PDB file of N, CA and C in Angstrom:
ATOM      1  N   MET A   1       8.901  11.061  19.496  1.00  0.00           N
ATOM      2  CA  MET A   1       7.830  10.691  20.399  1.00  0.00           C
ATOM      3  C   MET A   1       6.513  11.183  19.777  1.00  0.00           C
ATOM      4  N   ASP A   2       5.587  10.255  19.575  1.00  0.00           N
ATOM      5  CA  ASP A   2       4.319  10.658  18.979  1.00  0.00           C
ATOM      6  C   ASP A   2       3.335  11.143  20.039  1.00  0.00           C
ATOM      7  N   SER A   3       2.215  11.702  19.598  1.00  0.00           N
ATOM      8  CA  SER A   3       1.273  12.325  20.525  1.00  0.00           C
ATOM      9  C   SER A   3       0.582  11.304  21.427  1.00  0.00           C
ATOM     10  N   GLN A   4       0.401  10.080  20.935  1.00  0.00           N
ATOM     11  CA  GLN A   4      -0.246   9.061  21.763  1.00  0.00           C
ATOM     12  C   GLN A   4       0.648   8.674  22.940  1.00  0.00           C
ATOM     13  N   THR A   5       1.933   8.562  22.720  1.00  0.00           N
ATOM     14  CA  THR A   5       2.868   8.246  23.792  1.00  0.00           C
ATOM     15  C   THR A   5       2.906   9.377  24.818  1.00  0.00           C
ATOM     16  N   LEU A   6       2.916  10.601  24.337  1.00  0.00           N
ATOM     17  CA  LEU A   6       2.927  11.755  25.227  1.00  0.00           C
ATOM     18  C   LEU A   6       1.647  11.809  26.072  1.00  0.00           C
ATOM     19  N   GLN A   7       0.513  11.534  25.458  1.00  0.00           N
ATOM     20  CA  GLN A   7      -0.750  11.504  26.199  1.00  0.00           C
ATOM     21  C   GLN A   7      -0.737  10.404  27.260  1.00  0.00           C
ATOM     22  N   THR A   8      -0.185   9.250  26.923  1.00  0.00           N
ATOM     23  CA  THR A   8      -0.108   8.144  27.870  1.00  0.00           C
ATOM     24  C   THR A   8       0.772   8.508  29.054  1.00  0.00           C
ATOM     25  N   ILE A   9       1.866   9.176  28.813  1.00  0.00           N
ATOM     26  CA  ILE A   9       2.762   9.593  29.889  1.00  0.00           C
ATOM     27  C   ILE A   9       2.073  10.608  30.788  1.00  0.00           C
ATOM     28  N   ILE A  10       1.370  11.566  30.205  1.00  0.00           N
ATOM     29  CA  ILE A  10       0.674  12.591  30.988  1.00  0.00           C
ATOM     30  C   ILE A  10      -0.424  11.957  31.841  1.00  0.00           C
ATOM     31  N   VAL A  11      -1.191  11.046  31.270  1.00  0.00           N
ATOM     32  CA  VAL A  11      -2.251  10.369  32.025  1.00  0.00           C
ATOM     33  C   VAL A  11      -1.654   9.538  33.154  1.00  0.00           C
ATOM     34  N   ALA A  12      -0.559   8.859  32.886  1.00  0.00           N
ATOM     35  CA  ALA A  12       0.095   8.053  33.926  1.00  0.00           C
ATOM     36  C   ALA A  12       0.583   8.941  35.072  1.00  0.00           C
ATOM     37  N   LEU A  13       1.119  10.106  34.760  1.00  0.00           N
ATOM     38  CA  LEU A  13       1.565  11.036  35.802  1.00  0.00           C
ATOM     39  C   LEU A  13       0.391  11.549  36.630  1.00  0.00           C
ATOM     40  N   ILE A  14      -0.716  11.846  35.991  1.00  0.00           N
ATOM     41  CA  ILE A  14      -1.894  12.330  36.712  1.00  0.00           C
ATOM     42  C   ILE A  14      -2.452  11.240  37.623  1.00  0.00           C
ATOM     43  N   ILE A  15      -2.551  10.019  37.114  1.00  0.00           N
ATOM     44  CA  ILE A  15      -3.054   8.913  37.928  1.00  0.00           C
ATOM     45  C   ILE A  15      -2.098   8.620  39.075  1.00  0.00           C
ATOM     46  N   GLY A  16      -0.803   8.689  38.825  1.00  0.00           N
ATOM     47  CA  GLY A  16       0.182   8.476  39.891  1.00  0.00           C
ATOM     48  C   GLY A  16       0.076   9.535  40.977  1.00  0.00           C
ATOM     49  N   ALA A  17      -0.102  10.783  40.588  1.00  0.00           N
ATOM     50  CA  ALA A  17      -0.249  11.857  41.571  1.00  0.00           C
ATOM     51  C   ALA A  17      -1.522  11.670  42.386  1.00  0.00           C
ATOM     52  N   ALA A  18      -2.601  11.259  41.738  1.00  0.00           N
ATOM     53  CA  ALA A  18      -3.856  11.019  42.459  1.00  0.00           C
ATOM     54  C   ALA A  18      -3.703   9.847  43.433  1.00  0.00           C
ATOM     55  N   ALA A  19      -3.006   8.811  43.026  1.00  0.00           N
ATOM     56  CA  ALA A  19      -2.791   7.657  43.907  1.00  0.00           C
ATOM     57  C   ALA A  19      -1.951   8.048  45.118  1.00  0.00           C
ATOM     58  N   LEU A  20      -0.948   8.874  44.922  1.00  0.00           N
ATOM     59  CA  LEU A  20      -0.137   9.345  46.050  1.00  0.00           C
ATOM     60  C   LEU A  20      -0.968  10.196  47.001  1.00  0.00           C
ATOM     61  N   PHE A  21      -1.822  11.045  46.466  1.00  0.00           N
ATOM     62  CA  PHE A  21      -2.672  11.899  47.291  1.00  0.00           C
ATOM     63  C   PHE A  21      -3.620  11.059  48.144  1.00  0.00           C
ATOM     64  N   VAL A  22      -4.284  10.092  47.526  1.00  0.00           N
ATOM     65  CA  VAL A  22      -5.225   9.240  48.256  1.00  0.00           C
ATOM     66  C   VAL A  22      -4.477   8.373  49.266  1.00  0.00           C
ATOM     67  N   GLY A  23      -3.322   7.852  48.882  1.00  0.00           N
ATOM     68  CA  GLY A  23      -2.530   7.047  49.804  1.00  0.00           C
ATOM     69  C   GLY A  23      -2.089   7.833  51.021  1.00  0.00           C
ATOM     70  N   ARG A  24      -1.704   9.070  50.828  1.00  0.00           N
ATOM     71  CA  ARG A  24      -1.291   9.905  51.953  1.00  0.00           C
ATOM     72  C   ARG A  24      -2.464  10.187  52.885  1.00  0.00           C
ATOM     73  N   LYS A  25      -3.647  10.415  52.302  1.00  0.00           N
ATOM     74  CA  LYS A  25      -4.842  10.646  53.117  1.00  0.00           C
ATOM     75  C   LYS A  25      -5.161   9.420  53.968  1.00  0.00           C
ATOM     76  N   PHE A  26      -5.105   8.226  53.365  1.00  0.00           N
ATOM     77  CA  PHE A  26      -5.360   7.000  54.116  1.00  0.00           C
ATOM     78  C   PHE A  26      -4.320   6.797  55.205  1.00  0.00           C
ATOM     79  N   TYR A  27      -3.058   7.051  54.882  1.00  0.00           N
ATOM     80  CA  TYR A  27      -1.995   6.868  55.867  1.00  0.00           C
ATOM     81  C   TYR A  27      -2.201   7.799  57.061  1.00  0.00           C
ATOM     82  N   ARG A  28      -2.509   9.048  56.791  1.00  0.00           N
ATOM     83  CA  ARG A  28      -2.728   9.999  57.894  1.00  0.00           C
ATOM     84  C   ARG A  28      -3.937   9.606  58.731  1.00  0.00           C
ATOM     85  N   THR A  29      -4.988   9.106  58.093  1.00  0.00           N
ATOM     86  CA  THR A  29      -6.186   8.689  58.828  1.00  0.00           C
ATOM     87  C   THR A  29      -5.867   7.508  59.741  1.00  0.00           C
ATOM     88  N   PHE A  30      -5.183   6.501  59.222  1.00  0.00           N
ATOM     89  CA  PHE A  30      -4.870   5.320  60.023  1.00  0.00           C
ATOM     90  C   PHE A  30      -3.806   5.611  61.062  1.00  0.00           C
ATOM     91  N   ALA A  31      -2.858   6.484  60.766  1.00  0.00           N
ATOM     92  CA  ALA A  31      -1.833   6.833  61.753  1.00  0.00           C
ATOM     93  C   ALA A  31      -2.460   7.584  62.916  1.00  0.00           C
ATOM     94  N   ALA A  32      -3.430   8.446  62.638  1.00  0.00           N
ATOM     95  CA  ALA A  32      -4.104   9.175  63.704  1.00  0.00           C
ATOM     96  C   ALA A  32      -4.949   8.231  64.553  1.00  0.00           C
ATOM     97  N   ALA A  33      -5.531   7.212  63.932  1.00  0.00           N
ATOM     98  CA  ALA A  33      -6.359   6.257  64.670  1.00  0.00           C
ATOM     99  C   ALA A  33      -5.502   5.371  65.567  1.00  0.00           C
ATOM    100  N   ARG A  34      -4.282   5.059  65.147  1.00  0.00           N
ATOM    101  CA  ARG A  34      -3.389   4.198  65.940  1.00  0.00           C
ATOM    102  C   ARG A  34      -2.692   4.955  67.054  1.00  0.00           C
ATOM    103  N   LYS A  35      -2.632   6.275  66.944  1.00  0.00           N
ATOM    104  CA  LYS A  35      -1.908   7.080  67.919  1.00  0.00           C
ATOM    105  C   LYS A  35      -2.577   6.954  69.292  1.00  0.00           C
ATOM    106  N   PRO A  36      -1.802   6.697  70.330  1.00  0.00           N
ATOM    107  CA  PRO A  36      -2.413   6.573  71.661  1.00  0.00           C
ATOM    108  C   PRO A  36      -3.033   7.895  72.089  1.00  0.00           C
ATOM    109  N   LYS A  37      -4.176   7.776  72.699  1.00  0.00           N
ATOM    110  CA  LYS A  37      -4.884   8.969  73.136  1.00  0.00           C
ATOM    111  C   LYS A  37      -4.596   9.192  74.618  1.00  0.00           C
ATOM    112  N   GLY A  38      -3.940  10.286  74.908  1.00  0.00           N
ATOM    113  CA  GLY A  38      -3.598  10.604  76.284  1.00  0.00           C
ATOM    114  C   GLY A  38      -4.738  11.309  76.999  1.00  0.00           C
ATOM    115  N   SER A  39      -4.570  11.505  78.288  1.00  0.00           N
ATOM    116  CA  SER A  39      -5.619  12.155  79.078  1.00  0.00           C
ATOM    117  C   SER A  39      -5.550  13.679  78.936  1.00  0.00           C
ATOM    118  N   GLY A  40      -4.468  14.180  78.381  1.00  0.00           N
ATOM    119  CA  GLY A  40      -4.368  15.604  78.154  1.00  0.00           C
ATOM    120  C   GLY A  40      -3.657  16.348  79.293  1.00  0.00           C
ATOM    121  N   CYS A  41      -3.313  15.644  80.332  1.00  0.00           N
ATOM    122  CA  CYS A  41      -2.625  16.321  81.433  1.00  0.00           C
ATOM    123  C   CYS A  41      -1.198  15.765  81.548  1.00  0.00           C
ATOM    124  N   GLY A  42      -0.356  16.457  82.277  1.00  0.00           N
ATOM    125  CA  GLY A  42       1.036  16.062  82.407  1.00  0.00           C
ATOM    126  C   GLY A  42       1.217  14.830  83.300  1.00  0.00           C
ATOM    127  N   SER A  43       2.433  14.290  83.280  1.00  0.00           N
ATOM    128  CA  SER A  43       2.698  13.082  84.049  1.00  0.00           C
ATOM    129  C   SER A  43       2.863  13.380  85.555  1.00  0.00           C
ATOM    130  N   ASP A  44       2.976  14.629  85.917  1.00  0.00           N
ATOM    131  CA  ASP A  44       3.194  14.976  87.332  1.00  0.00           C
ATOM    132  C   ASP A  44       1.883  15.352  88.054  1.00  0.00           C
ATOM    133  N   CYS A  45       0.736  15.142  87.423  1.00  0.00           N
ATOM    134  CA  CYS A  45      -0.525  15.538  88.035  1.00  0.00           C
ATOM    135  C   CYS A  45      -1.096  14.444  88.929  1.00  0.00           C
ATOM    136  N   GLY A  46      -0.570  13.232  88.847  1.00  0.00           N
ATOM    137  CA  GLY A  46      -1.060  12.146  89.688  1.00  0.00           C
ATOM    138  C   GLY A  46      -2.058  11.246  89.016  1.00  0.00           C
ATOM    139  N   CYS A  47      -2.511  11.573  87.817  1.00  0.00           N
ATOM    140  CA  CYS A  47      -3.505  10.734  87.145  1.00  0.00           C
ATOM    141  C   CYS A  47      -2.861   9.772  86.157  1.00  0.00           C
ATOM    142  N   GLY A  48      -1.561   9.855  85.953  1.00  0.00           N
ATOM    143  CA  GLY A  48      -0.862   8.987  85.004  1.00  0.00           C
ATOM    144  C   GLY A  48      -0.595   7.614  85.614  1.00  0.00           C
ATOM    145  N   PRO A  49       0.058   6.750  84.844  1.00  0.00           N
ATOM    146  CA  PRO A  49       0.366   5.404  85.353  1.00  0.00           C
ATOM    147  C   PRO A  49       1.320   5.474  86.528  1.00  0.00           C
ATOM    148  N   ALA A  50       1.120   4.591  87.470  1.00  0.00           N
ATOM    149  CA  ALA A  50       1.969   4.553  88.652  1.00  0.00           C
ATOM    150  C   ALA A  50       3.337   4.018  88.275  1.00  0.00           C
ATOM    151  N   GLU A  51       4.355   4.631  88.806  1.00  0.00           N
ATOM    152  CA  GLU A  51       5.725   4.201  88.503  1.00  0.00           C
ATOM    153  C   GLU A  51       6.329   3.489  89.682  1.00  0.00           C
TER     154      GLU A  51
END
């Protein structure tokens, strides 16, 4: 294995790790935005949906 191949592998690993990091950040941001926002109180307080 020559040095150019080794450098290419190292760069590919670094770029892959950066892509995973950014992808995880985007996923967490969008998952938090999609999460339903509750009123913060329990279901037995009377302010929840009528059953």
